């Protein structure tokens, strides 16, 4: 199956990498099913994809709620008859040293970045097993590859997901399931806007993103590359970062 034959669900689809991925895959002929909390943005995105000749549907998804992920998968099955790929893109970040003891922020990152991925797996994997094929593409981060101060817990959540997907891959060598971890570096998204409480630090980080960050479409193309491989080819890990990122 080429991309234009596939039904692809995307979490965190209302902005940034998720939105860019939805537009890119729809332009290449995929049917996309979009999930996010901001339904006004989702509805507008569905309308724009349809106006351009694409196929899209949307449902409100909070990845911390297992039922919302089941609703996303059900929407794909009801509207398009199958689900070929789940792109787990929803994520949040809180930046600060561990000594800040941001327990609430730690819990939120675990709930969204780790449990949210598990909820997606729980919703999609039974469908993939019934179909005999399926692909989990999950956005992690270069923060888990190059550990830096003030991102310990965020990096930890991303590495937890990387470990989870590798273990799942080894459990799934019967040819049914493919797993892919996409690790972006600096990307111009809204992620940093709510990640930092200190206004000065937030402004400096936003400036770095503006100067160095990739356009989200670059990550969308990387995701499409992994999806577009033949069924017997699995792109396990793919890192994409600006050439000037240290």
Protein backbone atom coordinates (compact mmCIF):
# COMPACT_ATOMS: atom_id res chain seq x y z
CA UNK A 1 0.00 0.00 0.00
CA UNK A 2 1.25 3.47 -0.84
CA UNK A 3 0.43 6.48 1.30
CA UNK A 4 -2.54 7.36 -0.87
CA UNK A 5 -4.17 4.03 0.00
CA UNK A 6 -3.77 4.37 3.78
CA UNK A 7 -5.96 5.56 6.62
CA UNK A 8 -3.83 7.44 9.15
CA UNK A 9 -4.88 8.75 12.56
CA UNK A 10 -2.86 11.58 14.14
CA UNK A 11 -2.91 12.84 17.72
CA UNK A 12 -1.92 16.40 18.57
CA UNK A 13 -3.16 17.34 15.11
CA UNK A 14 -4.38 20.88 15.79
CA UNK A 15 -1.00 22.60 15.38
CA UNK A 16 2.72 22.18 14.77
CA UNK A 17 4.03 18.80 13.65
CA UNK A 18 0.60 17.16 13.87
CA UNK A 19 -1.08 19.74 11.66
CA UNK A 20 1.78 19.72 9.14
CA UNK A 21 1.68 15.92 9.02
CA UNK A 22 -2.08 15.93 8.43
CA UNK A 23 -1.76 18.37 5.54
CA UNK A 24 1.20 16.56 3.99
CA UNK A 25 -0.29 13.07 4.17
CA UNK A 26 -3.69 14.24 2.94
CA UNK A 27 -2.02 15.97 -0.02
CA UNK A 28 -0.39 12.65 -0.85
CA UNK A 29 -3.74 10.90 -0.90
CA UNK A 30 -4.07 9.43 2.59
CA UNK A 31 -7.33 9.60 4.51
CA UNK A 32 -6.49 11.32 7.78
CA UNK A 33 -8.35 11.14 11.07
CA UNK A 34 -7.35 13.98 13.35
CA UNK A 35 -7.40 14.11 17.12
CA UNK A 36 -6.68 16.99 19.51
CA UNK A 37 -8.36 18.94 22.29
CA UNK A 38 -8.86 22.15 20.30
CA UNK A 39 -11.79 21.12 18.12
CA UNK A 40 -12.19 24.55 16.51
CA UNK A 41 -8.76 24.16 14.95
CA UNK A 42 -9.45 20.58 13.96
CA UNK A 43 -12.72 21.49 12.25
CA UNK A 44 -11.01 24.26 10.31
CA UNK A 45 -8.20 21.92 9.28
CA UNK A 46 -10.68 19.27 8.08
CA UNK A 47 -12.47 21.90 6.00
CA UNK A 48 -9.22 23.10 4.43
CA UNK A 49 -8.09 19.56 3.59
CA UNK A 50 -11.49 18.79 2.05
CA UNK A 51 -11.43 22.02 0.05
CA UNK A 52 -8.07 20.94 -1.40
CA UNK A 53 -9.56 17.60 -2.48
CA UNK A 54 -8.39 15.53 0.48
CA UNK A 55 -10.17 13.18 2.86
CA UNK A 56 -10.28 14.01 6.56
CA UNK A 57 -12.32 13.52 9.71
CA UNK A 58 -11.80 14.71 13.26
CA UNK A 59 -12.69 13.88 16.84
CA UNK A 60 -11.83 15.54 20.15
CA UNK A 61 -8.96 13.65 21.78
CA UNK A 62 -7.30 14.12 25.14
CA UNK A 63 -4.64 11.42 25.11
CA UNK A 64 -4.75 11.10 28.90
CA UNK A 65 -8.25 9.57 28.47
CA UNK A 66 -8.13 6.01 27.07
CA UNK A 67 -11.70 6.33 25.77
CA UNK A 68 -10.72 9.28 23.58
CA UNK A 69 -8.10 7.17 21.80
CA UNK A 70 -10.67 4.43 21.27
CA UNK A 71 -13.00 7.06 19.82
CA UNK A 72 -10.26 8.17 17.41
CA UNK A 73 -9.72 4.62 16.19
CA UNK A 74 -13.47 4.02 15.97
CA UNK A 75 -13.85 7.17 13.88
CA UNK A 76 -11.31 5.84 11.40
CA UNK A 77 -13.11 2.51 11.17
CA UNK A 78 -16.56 4.08 10.82
CA UNK A 79 -15.55 6.66 8.23
CA UNK A 80 -12.92 4.82 6.20
CA UNK A 81 -13.27 1.14 7.13
CA UNK A 82 -9.79 0.53 8.52
CA UNK A 83 -6.79 2.05 10.29
CA UNK A 84 -3.32 1.57 8.86
CA UNK A 85 -1.18 3.99 10.88
CA UNK A 86 -1.42 5.76 14.22
CA UNK A 87 0.86 8.79 14.47
CA UNK A 88 1.31 9.50 18.18
CA UNK A 89 2.33 13.13 18.14
CA UNK A 90 0.64 14.69 21.18
CA UNK A 91 3.17 15.81 23.78
CA UNK A 92 3.95 18.47 26.37
CA UNK A 93 7.12 19.79 27.95
CA UNK A 94 8.07 21.46 31.20
CA UNK A 95 11.57 22.89 31.41
CA UNK A 96 13.33 23.37 34.73
CA UNK A 97 15.85 21.71 37.04
CA UNK A 98 14.73 18.73 39.07
CA UNK A 99 15.43 20.79 42.21
CA UNK A 100 12.43 22.98 41.32
CA UNK A 101 10.29 20.00 42.39
CA UNK A 102 7.63 20.65 39.76
CA UNK A 103 5.69 17.56 40.76
CA UNK A 104 2.54 18.69 38.93
CA UNK A 105 4.51 19.27 35.74
CA UNK A 106 6.25 15.90 36.04
CA UNK A 107 2.92 14.14 36.41
CA UNK A 108 1.46 15.96 33.42
CA UNK A 109 4.38 14.94 31.21
CA UNK A 110 4.11 11.32 32.28
CA UNK A 111 0.34 11.36 31.67
CA UNK A 112 0.58 12.85 28.18
CA UNK A 113 3.97 11.72 26.87
CA UNK A 114 4.00 8.16 28.24
CA UNK A 115 0.49 7.12 29.20
CA UNK A 116 -0.91 8.89 26.15
CA UNK A 117 1.22 6.69 23.90
CA UNK A 118 0.16 3.57 25.82
CA UNK A 119 -3.49 4.55 25.42
CA UNK A 120 -2.96 4.86 21.68
CA UNK A 121 -1.33 1.43 21.53
CA UNK A 122 -4.18 -0.09 23.53
CA UNK A 123 -6.72 1.39 21.10
CA UNK A 124 -4.94 0.62 17.84
CA UNK A 125 -3.15 -2.68 18.41
CA UNK A 126 -6.26 -4.91 18.47
CA UNK A 127 -7.34 -3.38 15.16
CA UNK A 128 -3.90 -3.93 13.63
CA UNK A 129 -3.98 -7.55 14.80
CA UNK A 130 -7.39 -8.14 13.22
CA UNK A 131 -6.28 -6.57 9.96
CA UNK A 132 -2.95 -8.40 9.93
CA UNK A 133 -1.04 -5.14 9.48
CA UNK A 134 -0.49 -1.80 11.18
CA UNK A 135 2.11 0.86 11.93
CA UNK A 136 2.78 2.92 15.07
CA UNK A 137 4.72 6.11 14.34
CA UNK A 138 5.52 8.02 17.53
CA UNK A 139 7.15 11.43 17.87
CA UNK A 140 9.79 11.43 20.60
CA UNK A 141 12.67 13.94 20.77
CA UNK A 142 16.40 14.51 20.47
CA UNK A 143 16.13 15.60 24.12
CA UNK A 144 16.29 11.91 24.91
CA UNK A 145 19.44 11.46 22.83
CA UNK A 146 21.43 14.42 24.14
CA UNK A 147 20.69 14.88 27.83
CA UNK A 148 20.90 18.49 29.01
CA UNK A 149 20.12 20.27 32.28
CA UNK A 150 16.53 21.38 32.94
CA UNK A 151 15.01 18.69 30.70
CA UNK A 152 15.56 15.59 32.83
CA UNK A 153 11.94 14.52 33.23
CA UNK A 154 10.92 15.49 29.69
CA UNK A 155 13.85 13.50 28.28
CA UNK A 156 12.97 10.65 30.61
CA UNK A 157 9.43 10.44 29.24
CA UNK A 158 10.69 10.42 25.67
CA UNK A 159 13.24 7.72 26.41
CA UNK A 160 10.56 5.67 28.15
CA UNK A 161 8.55 5.73 24.93
CA UNK A 162 11.60 4.86 22.85
CA UNK A 163 12.22 1.85 25.09
CA UNK A 164 8.54 0.87 24.95
CA UNK A 165 8.47 0.88 21.17
CA UNK A 166 11.67 -1.15 20.88
CA UNK A 167 10.28 -3.78 23.22
CA UNK A 168 7.00 -3.82 21.30
CA UNK A 169 8.95 -4.24 18.08
CA UNK A 170 10.68 -7.30 19.47
CA UNK A 171 7.33 -8.72 20.57
CA UNK A 172 5.93 -8.21 17.06
CA UNK A 173 8.28 -9.93 14.64
CA UNK A 174 5.41 -11.85 13.04
CA UNK A 175 5.17 -9.15 10.38
CA UNK A 176 1.93 -7.59 11.59
CA UNK A 177 3.19 -4.48 13.38
CA UNK A 178 5.79 -1.89 12.43
CA UNK A 179 7.02 0.68 14.95
CA UNK A 180 8.87 3.91 14.25
CA UNK A 181 10.30 6.52 16.63
CA UNK A 182 10.75 9.98 15.11
CA UNK A 183 13.17 12.19 17.08
CA UNK A 184 12.95 15.85 16.05
CA UNK A 185 15.37 18.48 17.26
CA UNK A 186 14.43 22.17 17.27
CA UNK A 187 11.13 22.63 15.44
CA UNK A 188 9.09 25.82 15.25
CA UNK A 189 5.98 24.77 17.20
CA UNK A 190 3.98 25.95 20.22
CA UNK A 191 5.63 23.38 22.51
CA UNK A 192 7.93 25.81 24.26
CA UNK A 193 5.24 28.45 24.88
CA UNK A 194 3.85 26.63 27.92
CA UNK A 195 7.03 24.77 28.88
CA UNK A 196 8.81 27.53 30.80
CA UNK A 197 7.49 29.72 33.61
CA UNK A 198 10.41 32.17 33.63
CA UNK A 199 9.57 34.88 31.03
CA UNK A 200 13.22 35.67 30.25
CA UNK A 201 14.17 32.04 29.68
CA UNK A 202 11.04 31.45 27.65
CA UNK A 203 11.85 34.41 25.41
CA UNK A 204 15.43 33.18 24.85
CA UNK A 205 14.23 29.68 24.00
CA UNK A 206 11.60 31.04 21.62
CA UNK A 207 14.30 33.11 19.96
CA UNK A 208 16.49 30.02 19.53
CA UNK A 209 13.56 28.14 18.01
CA UNK A 210 12.81 30.99 15.63
CA UNK A 211 16.45 31.21 14.49
CA UNK A 212 17.35 27.51 14.37
CA UNK A 213 14.11 25.57 14.29
CA UNK A 214 12.91 23.48 11.39
CA UNK A 215 9.59 24.09 9.74
CA UNK A 216 7.16 21.41 10.99
CA UNK A 217 6.73 20.24 7.40
CA UNK A 218 10.28 18.84 7.52
CA UNK A 219 9.19 16.44 10.25
CA UNK A 220 5.99 15.67 8.35
CA UNK A 221 8.09 14.57 5.38
CA UNK A 222 10.18 12.34 7.64
CA UNK A 223 7.02 10.73 9.00
CA UNK A 224 5.76 10.20 5.45
CA UNK A 225 9.09 8.58 4.51
CA UNK A 226 8.73 6.02 7.31
CA UNK A 227 5.11 5.29 6.41
CA UNK A 228 5.81 4.96 2.70
CA UNK A 229 8.25 2.05 3.04
CA UNK A 230 7.23 -1.41 1.77
CA UNK A 231 5.45 -3.57 4.33
CA UNK A 232 8.57 -5.68 4.88
CA UNK A 233 10.69 -2.61 5.71
CA UNK A 234 10.63 -0.96 9.13
CA UNK A 235 12.27 2.38 9.89
CA UNK A 236 12.85 1.85 13.60
CA UNK A 237 14.40 5.19 14.58
CA UNK A 238 14.70 8.39 12.59
CA UNK A 239 16.41 11.54 13.90
CA UNK A 240 15.79 14.86 12.20
CA UNK A 241 17.36 18.10 13.41
CA UNK A 242 18.56 21.45 12.03
CA UNK A 243 22.05 21.24 10.57
CA UNK A 244 23.16 24.05 12.96
CA UNK A 245 21.78 22.44 16.12
CA UNK A 246 24.50 21.47 18.57
